[in-house]
């Protein structure tokens, strides 16, 4: 009996999709092992600070180095008391030696190295070297440091039951002075009401005031309020706010407590027109003064053409009056001496009287007239001037 082979059953082959999924499942543990170090590095990637010494006395110095900071960021280095890296700076920068701090700018890789003088902070140790950004996004790091010879005390008890919240709208109080119109820093007071929603009192809270202009990030400054807010109570707080000199435009004032922004308040600052007026006057007065000085110098040093100098005519010297010769008489009329000439061409007889000063006045008037004619008409000479002593020309037919 011959056996005929029947139809063969089709052979099942694995789908390419299933094979790919199986390969991925097989490689998943290896991928997780390879990615674990990168994740840990990402978690630990951040601002870091290291010190050349862990302990030093007052008057020495230490070298503070850092890495992982933002490129070309401005940092402030401070030695702070009553602080630990875990709790941070308790009481804000009031616990730090602010007068002896140092500023440093990171390089393009976010690293820096700076010498910091060792001084005693206002609060007892434990102490830290506090490094924080001044502008832009806030970042900070603390490194444990011991100031030799500085007193040590326990940290204040941490009360986590206190919680502040703003209960009413904030406002800005104060007006600009006349100096602000000429570029002085504008100043206001931020007024707000807070309430303690927690179960523990909040004593001497430290707020942060931030001012932002346009699209720039706010610049934060710490402001501490002296007082205690009991649980369930509220308090009105006034904090000073000040801008830089010459600031104008639209600003945004922010209030932050801890890591939470409590309120924001817009602030429109007018332009200091006094500064603009000053520069306009300066641009007008200075060129005018320079022009006047230059013209005076040019007029002083330029050459004079010949004959341009004015000659002053000397004033006619007034001749003193001539005193007439009188005789022995003492009255109004005097007797002239024998043979004395009283007038041109006339001779008085002995004992003849003439008016006193007649001859003198006539002579003076004639001399003055001659001098005046000579001064006014210089082309006449005494010889060419008409005179009474010259004989008159005779007319035709008269001898």
Protein backbone atom coordinates (compact mmCIF):
# COMPACT_ATOMS: atom_id res chain seq x y z
CA UNK A 1 0.00 0.00 0.00
CA UNK A 2 1.41 3.18 -1.15
CA UNK A 3 1.23 6.06 1.28
CA UNK A 4 0.54 9.43 -0.22
CA UNK A 5 1.85 12.36 1.74
CA UNK A 6 -0.89 14.73 2.80
CA UNK A 7 -0.69 18.49 2.78
CA UNK A 8 1.95 19.86 5.12
CA UNK A 9 0.92 22.22 7.94
CA UNK A 10 2.18 25.75 7.47
CA UNK A 11 5.27 26.63 9.62
CA UNK A 12 4.71 29.52 11.98
CA UNK A 13 7.42 32.22 11.96
CA UNK A 14 7.90 34.91 14.63
CA UNK A 15 6.74 38.42 13.75
CA UNK A 16 9.51 41.07 13.40
CA UNK A 17 7.65 43.30 15.85
CA UNK A 18 7.66 40.63 18.50
CA UNK A 19 11.36 40.02 17.96
CA UNK A 20 12.09 43.72 18.41
CA UNK A 21 10.08 43.90 21.63
CA UNK A 22 11.90 40.88 23.00
CA UNK A 23 15.26 42.43 22.23
CA UNK A 24 14.27 45.66 23.99
CA UNK A 25 13.09 43.76 27.06
CA UNK A 26 16.36 41.91 27.14
CA UNK A 27 18.39 45.12 26.93
CA UNK A 28 16.29 47.06 29.46
CA UNK A 29 18.30 46.02 32.55
CA UNK A 30 21.54 46.94 30.80
CA UNK A 31 20.15 50.35 29.79
CA UNK A 32 19.02 51.06 33.33
CA UNK A 33 22.47 50.20 34.67
CA UNK A 34 24.13 52.50 32.15
CA UNK A 35 21.72 55.36 32.79
CA UNK A 36 21.97 55.17 36.60
CA UNK A 37 25.33 56.99 36.89
CA UNK A 38 24.08 59.79 34.64
CA UNK A 39 20.99 60.23 36.75
CA UNK A 40 23.03 60.40 39.90
CA UNK A 41 25.30 62.96 38.28
CA UNK A 42 22.30 65.02 37.25
CA UNK A 43 20.92 64.88 40.78
CA UNK A 44 24.24 66.00 42.20
CA UNK A 45 24.87 68.63 39.53
CA UNK A 46 24.50 72.09 41.11
CA UNK A 47 26.38 74.90 42.84
CA UNK A 48 29.21 73.58 45.01
CA UNK A 49 31.65 75.35 47.34
CA UNK A 50 34.97 74.14 48.76
CA UNK A 51 37.35 75.80 51.26
CA UNK A 52 41.11 75.70 51.52
CA UNK A 53 40.80 75.55 55.35
CA UNK A 54 38.03 74.32 57.61
CA UNK A 55 39.16 76.48 60.53
CA UNK A 56 41.03 79.79 60.81
CA UNK A 57 41.31 82.66 63.25
CA UNK A 58 40.39 86.30 62.88
CA UNK A 59 42.84 88.21 60.68
CA UNK A 60 43.70 85.28 58.42
CA UNK A 61 42.24 84.39 55.07
CA UNK A 62 40.94 81.37 53.21
CA UNK A 63 40.47 80.53 49.56
CA UNK A 64 36.90 79.81 48.48
CA UNK A 65 36.45 77.80 45.28
CA UNK A 66 33.24 76.88 43.52
CA UNK A 67 31.90 75.05 40.50
CA UNK A 68 28.57 74.32 38.89
CA UNK A 69 27.40 77.94 39.02
CA UNK A 70 25.84 79.91 36.23
CA UNK A 71 28.36 81.25 33.73
CA UNK A 72 29.53 84.82 34.35
CA UNK A 73 27.32 85.21 37.40
CA UNK A 74 28.02 87.75 40.17
CA UNK A 75 28.37 86.03 43.58
CA UNK A 76 28.70 87.31 47.14
CA UNK A 77 30.93 85.50 49.67
CA UNK A 78 30.13 85.93 53.39
CA UNK A 79 31.05 84.33 56.70
CA UNK A 80 27.82 83.81 58.63
CA UNK A 81 27.16 82.70 62.18
CA UNK A 82 24.24 80.78 63.62
CA UNK A 83 24.06 78.75 60.40
CA UNK A 84 24.45 75.24 59.06
CA UNK A 85 24.29 73.86 55.51
CA UNK A 86 21.14 71.93 56.46
CA UNK A 87 19.17 74.83 57.94
CA UNK A 88 20.83 77.62 56.00
CA UNK A 89 21.54 81.07 57.40
CA UNK A 90 19.17 81.52 60.34
CA UNK A 91 18.09 85.16 60.56
CA UNK A 92 19.18 86.09 57.07
CA UNK A 93 22.28 88.10 56.28
CA UNK A 94 21.97 89.88 59.64
CA UNK A 95 23.95 86.91 60.98
CA UNK A 96 26.80 87.52 58.51
CA UNK A 97 29.87 89.74 58.48
CA UNK A 98 28.56 91.87 55.61
CA UNK A 99 31.25 94.56 55.86
CA UNK A 100 34.04 92.07 55.13
CA UNK A 101 32.34 90.13 52.35
CA UNK A 102 33.77 89.71 48.87
CA UNK A 103 32.26 89.67 45.39
CA UNK A 104 33.39 87.43 42.56
CA UNK A 105 32.28 86.68 39.00
CA UNK A 106 32.28 83.15 37.67
CA UNK A 107 34.00 82.24 34.43
CA UNK A 108 32.37 80.79 31.33
CA UNK A 109 32.39 77.33 32.92
CA UNK A 110 30.69 78.51 36.09
CA UNK A 111 33.77 78.17 38.33
CA UNK A 112 35.53 80.70 40.57
CA UNK A 113 38.28 81.05 43.17
CA UNK A 114 38.54 83.97 45.60
CA UNK A 115 40.38 84.83 48.81
CA UNK A 116 38.12 85.72 51.73
CA UNK A 117 39.37 87.42 54.93
CA UNK A 118 38.39 85.70 58.17
CA UNK A 119 36.28 87.89 60.45
CA UNK A 120 33.97 87.20 63.35
CA UNK A 121 30.27 87.29 62.42
CA UNK A 122 27.76 89.07 64.68
CA UNK A 123 26.19 85.75 65.73
CA UNK A 124 27.93 82.85 67.49
CA UNK A 125 29.00 79.72 65.66
CA UNK A 126 28.26 77.18 64.16
CA UNK A 127 29.38 79.15 61.12
CA UNK A 128 29.38 78.69 57.39
CA UNK A 129 30.81 80.37 54.31
CA UNK A 130 27.69 81.52 52.52
CA UNK A 131 27.85 81.94 48.72
CA UNK A 132 24.82 83.32 46.87
CA UNK A 133 24.05 84.97 43.55
CA UNK A 134 23.45 88.71 43.52
CA UNK A 135 21.55 89.10 40.24
CA UNK A 136 19.47 86.83 38.07
CA UNK A 137 18.15 83.45 39.15
CA UNK A 138 18.80 82.83 42.82
CA UNK A 139 21.24 80.10 43.79
CA UNK A 140 23.18 79.54 47.01
CA UNK A 141 25.52 77.10 48.71
CA UNK A 142 27.01 76.86 52.22
CA UNK A 143 30.22 75.26 53.44
CA UNK A 144 30.97 74.48 57.11
CA UNK A 145 33.63 76.73 58.59
CA UNK A 146 34.89 77.40 62.12
CA UNK A 147 36.16 80.78 63.28
CA UNK A 148 38.80 80.04 65.91
CA UNK A 149 38.16 81.88 69.17
CA UNK A 150 34.60 82.86 68.29
CA UNK A 151 31.88 81.90 70.80
CA UNK A 152 29.64 78.96 70.02
CA UNK A 153 25.96 78.50 70.86
CA UNK A 154 23.14 76.18 69.97
CA UNK A 155 20.91 77.01 67.06
CA UNK A 156 17.48 78.46 67.94
CA UNK A 157 14.66 76.00 68.05
CA UNK A 158 13.01 75.47 64.74
CA UNK A 159 9.29 76.04 64.90
CA UNK A 160 7.63 74.70 61.81
CA UNK A 161 4.11 75.46 62.98
CA UNK A 162 4.17 79.13 61.93
CA UNK A 163 2.78 80.05 58.54
CA UNK A 164 2.36 83.58 57.24
CA UNK A 165 -0.05 84.67 54.55
CA UNK A 166 -1.03 88.03 53.14
CA UNK A 167 -4.60 88.88 54.16
CA UNK A 168 -5.12 92.20 52.32
CA UNK A 169 -3.93 93.89 49.18
CA UNK A 170 -0.52 95.50 49.27
CA UNK A 171 0.16 99.16 48.53
CA UNK A 172 3.06 101.54 48.20
CA UNK A 173 3.21 104.59 50.47
CA UNK A 174 5.31 107.73 50.10
CA UNK A 175 5.94 110.49 47.59
CA UNK A 176 8.90 111.52 45.51
CA UNK A 177 10.94 114.51 46.64
CA UNK A 178 12.40 117.30 44.56
CA UNK A 179 15.75 115.47 44.48
CA UNK A 180 14.07 112.53 42.75
CA UNK A 181 13.21 114.91 39.90
CA UNK A 182 16.97 115.39 39.51
CA UNK A 183 17.86 111.67 39.58
CA UNK A 184 17.84 110.73 43.28
CA UNK A 185 16.85 107.09 44.05
CA UNK A 186 13.04 106.71 44.26
CA UNK A 187 11.91 105.26 47.62
CA UNK A 188 8.60 103.91 48.92
CA UNK A 189 7.24 101.75 51.74
CA UNK A 190 5.52 98.47 50.93
CA UNK A 191 2.54 98.11 53.28
CA UNK A 192 0.77 94.78 53.71
CA UNK A 193 -1.10 92.81 56.36
CA UNK A 194 -0.09 89.24 57.22
CA UNK A 195 -1.75 86.64 59.34
CA UNK A 196 -0.30 83.60 61.09
CA UNK A 197 -2.25 80.59 59.92
CA UNK A 198 -0.06 78.10 61.80
CA UNK A 199 -0.02 76.84 65.35
CA UNK A 200 3.27 78.43 66.46
CA UNK A 201 4.28 82.09 66.76
CA UNK A 202 6.51 83.66 64.12
CA UNK A 203 9.20 85.89 65.61
CA UNK A 204 11.20 88.47 63.64
CA UNK A 205 10.33 87.12 60.20
CA UNK A 206 12.73 87.84 57.33
CA UNK A 207 11.06 88.85 54.08
CA UNK A 208 12.60 89.40 50.67
CA UNK A 209 11.74 92.37 48.48
CA UNK A 210 12.33 91.99 44.76
CA UNK A 211 12.25 94.73 42.13
CA UNK A 212 11.97 93.83 38.45
CA UNK A 213 12.04 96.13 35.42
CA UNK A 214 10.70 94.94 32.09
CA UNK A 215 11.62 91.36 31.25
CA UNK A 216 14.52 91.17 33.72
CA UNK A 217 14.40 88.88 36.73
CA UNK A 218 13.75 90.54 40.11
CA UNK A 219 16.66 91.49 42.31
CA UNK A 220 15.96 90.32 45.85
CA UNK A 221 16.97 92.09 49.05
CA UNK A 222 16.33 90.86 52.58
CA UNK A 223 14.19 92.92 54.95
CA UNK A 224 13.68 91.81 58.53
CA UNK A 225 10.62 92.87 60.49
CA UNK A 226 11.00 93.17 64.25
CA UNK A 227 8.03 91.67 66.03
CA UNK A 228 6.09 88.50 66.73
CA UNK A 229 2.94 87.30 65.02
CA UNK A 230 0.98 85.01 67.35
CA UNK A 231 -1.02 82.04 66.01
CA UNK A 232 -4.28 83.28 64.54
CA UNK A 233 -3.20 86.93 64.83
CA UNK A 234 -2.44 89.44 62.14
CA UNK A 235 -0.04 92.37 61.85
CA UNK A 236 0.55 95.28 59.50
CA UNK A 237 4.09 95.38 58.16
CA UNK A 238 5.88 98.23 56.39
CA UNK A 239 9.11 97.50 54.55
CA UNK A 240 11.27 100.05 52.68
CA UNK A 241 11.70 99.72 48.93
CA UNK A 242 14.34 101.69 47.03
CA UNK A 243 15.41 101.72 43.39
CA UNK A 244 18.68 102.76 41.84
CA UNK A 245 19.49 106.39 41.03
CA UNK A 246 17.88 107.67 37.84
CA UNK A 247 15.42 104.76 37.63
CA UNK A 248 12.23 105.38 35.64
CA UNK A 249 9.59 103.31 33.91
CA UNK A 250 7.35 100.44 35.00
CA UNK A 251 8.63 98.28 37.87
CA UNK A 252 7.23 95.23 39.63
CA UNK A 253 7.71 94.92 43.40
CA UNK A 254 7.45 91.37 44.76
CA UNK A 255 7.21 90.13 48.34
CA UNK A 256 8.57 86.71 49.22
CA UNK A 257 8.66 84.80 52.49
CA UNK A 258 10.71 81.61 52.48
CA UNK A 259 10.35 80.17 48.99
CA UNK A 260 6.84 81.47 48.34
CA UNK A 261 5.94 84.76 46.69
CA UNK A 262 3.20 86.35 48.79
CA UNK A 263 2.29 89.43 46.75
CA UNK A 264 3.23 91.60 43.79
CA UNK A 265 2.69 95.32 43.37
CA UNK A 266 3.23 97.43 40.20
CA UNK A 267 5.11 100.71 40.52
CA UNK A 268 5.27 103.37 37.82
CA UNK A 269 8.26 105.69 38.25
CA UNK A 270 8.31 109.01 36.38
CA UNK A 271 11.23 110.20 34.33
CA UNK A 272 13.69 112.54 36.10
CA UNK A 273 13.13 115.56 33.86
CA UNK A 274 15.53 117.66 35.93
CA UNK A 275 18.43 115.61 34.60
CA UNK A 276 17.18 116.10 31.04
CA UNK A 277 16.86 119.85 31.59
CA UNK A 278 20.37 119.96 33.02
CA UNK A 279 21.85 118.26 29.98
CA UNK A 280 19.92 120.51 27.60
CA UNK A 281 21.19 123.62 29.37
CA UNK A 282 24.69 122.17 29.43
CA UNK A 283 24.57 121.56 25.67
CA UNK A 284 23.51 125.19 25.12
CA UNK A 285 25.68 127.03 27.64
CA UNK A 286 28.96 125.24 27.05
CA UNK A 287 29.07 125.75 23.26
CA UNK A 288 28.05 129.41 23.71
CA UNK A 289 30.83 129.96 26.26
CA UNK A 290 33.38 128.21 24.05
CA UNK A 291 32.27 130.34 21.09
CA UNK A 292 32.63 133.56 23.07
CA UNK A 293 36.07 132.58 24.33
CA UNK A 294 37.18 131.58 20.84
CA UNK A 295 36.00 134.86 19.33
CA UNK A 296 37.82 136.81 22.02
CA UNK A 297 41.03 134.88 21.33
CA UNK A 298 40.69 135.39 17.57
CA UNK A 299 40.08 139.11 18.00
CA UNK A 300 43.14 139.30 20.23
CA UNK A 301 45.63 137.48 18.02
CA UNK A 302 44.50 138.46 14.51
CA UNK A 303 46.83 140.89 12.62
CA UNK A 304 45.71 144.52 12.29
CA UNK A 305 45.82 146.19 8.80
CA UNK A 306 47.89 149.33 8.36
CA UNK A 307 46.12 152.56 9.28
CA UNK A 308 43.27 150.80 11.09
CA UNK A 309 44.29 152.14 14.48
CA UNK A 310 42.34 155.17 15.51
CA UNK A 311 44.40 158.20 16.47
CA UNK A 312 43.00 160.26 19.21
CA UNK A 313 43.14 164.04 18.78
CA UNK A 314 44.62 165.52 21.90
CA UNK A 315 42.28 167.84 23.68
CA UNK A 316 42.97 171.56 23.27
CA UNK A 317 44.86 172.79 26.23
CA UNK A 318 43.02 175.55 27.84
CA UNK A 319 45.31 178.51 28.33
CA UNK A 320 45.05 180.36 31.58
CA UNK A 321 43.60 183.79 31.41
CA UNK A 322 46.14 186.56 31.17
CA UNK A 323 45.95 189.08 33.89
CA UNK A 324 45.84 192.65 32.58
CA UNK A 325 48.44 195.18 33.65
CA UNK A 326 46.86 197.66 35.91
CA UNK A 327 48.02 200.94 37.29
CA UNK A 328 47.79 202.29 40.75
CA UNK A 329 44.01 202.57 40.81
CA UNK A 330 41.99 200.25 42.91
CA UNK A 331 38.52 200.96 41.64
CA UNK A 332 36.59 199.49 38.72
CA UNK A 333 38.73 201.45 36.28
CA UNK A 334 42.50 201.56 36.54
CA UNK A 335 45.05 203.96 35.09
CA UNK A 336 47.43 202.44 32.56
CA UNK A 337 51.08 203.19 32.40
CA UNK A 338 52.35 205.74 29.90
CA UNK A 339 52.86 204.23 26.44
CA UNK A 340 51.02 200.97 27.23
CA UNK A 341 49.11 199.52 24.39
CA UNK A 342 45.51 198.79 25.30
CA UNK A 343 44.31 197.63 21.93
CA UNK A 344 45.95 196.73 18.62
CA UNK A 345 47.31 199.93 17.19
CA UNK A 346 46.15 202.19 20.07
CA UNK A 347 48.19 203.91 22.76
CA UNK A 348 46.74 205.47 25.87
CA UNK A 349 47.77 208.77 27.22
CA UNK A 350 49.19 209.25 30.66
CA UNK A 351 46.47 209.06 33.26
CA UNK A 352 43.85 207.64 30.85
CA UNK A 353 41.67 205.02 32.45
CA UNK A 354 40.42 201.79 30.80
CA UNK A 355 38.15 199.03 31.94
CA UNK A 356 39.97 196.42 34.00
CA UNK A 357 40.48 193.24 32.02
CA UNK A 358 39.22 194.63 28.69
CA UNK A 359 42.52 194.21 26.95
CA UNK A 360 43.09 190.83 28.64
CA UNK A 361 39.73 189.45 27.58
CA UNK A 362 40.16 190.61 24.01
CA UNK A 363 43.58 189.04 23.80
CA UNK A 364 42.36 185.75 25.34
CA UNK A 365 39.35 185.55 23.02
CA UNK A 366 41.53 186.16 19.97
CA UNK A 367 44.03 183.49 21.05
CA UNK A 368 41.26 180.98 21.74
CA UNK A 369 39.63 181.69 18.38
CA UNK A 370 42.95 181.25 16.60
CA UNK A 371 43.67 177.97 18.43
CA UNK A 372 40.19 176.64 17.68
CA UNK A 373 40.50 177.53 14.03
CA UNK A 374 43.88 175.88 13.86
CA UNK A 375 42.62 172.71 15.59
CA UNK A 376 39.46 172.38 13.50
CA UNK A 377 40.99 173.49 10.20
CA UNK A 378 44.56 172.20 10.20
CA UNK A 379 45.25 173.30 6.60
CA UNK A 380 45.30 176.93 7.75
CA UNK A 381 48.49 178.32 9.16
CA UNK A 382 48.87 181.43 11.26
CA UNK A 383 50.44 183.25 8.27
CA UNK A 384 47.60 182.38 5.91
CA UNK A 385 44.81 183.10 8.37
CA UNK A 386 43.11 186.48 8.02
CA UNK A 387 44.36 189.09 10.46
CA UNK A 388 43.28 192.56 11.39
CA UNK A 389 46.87 193.91 11.26
CA UNK A 390 47.18 193.20 7.53
CA UNK A 391 46.17 196.06 5.21
CA UNK A 392 42.94 195.55 3.38
CA UNK A 393 43.24 195.07 -0.33
CA UNK A 394 42.38 198.17 -2.28
CA UNK A 395 39.80 198.13 -4.94
CA UNK A 396 40.44 199.30 -8.43
CA UNK A 397 40.70 203.06 -8.60
CA UNK A 398 41.52 203.60 -4.93
CA UNK A 399 45.01 204.38 -3.79
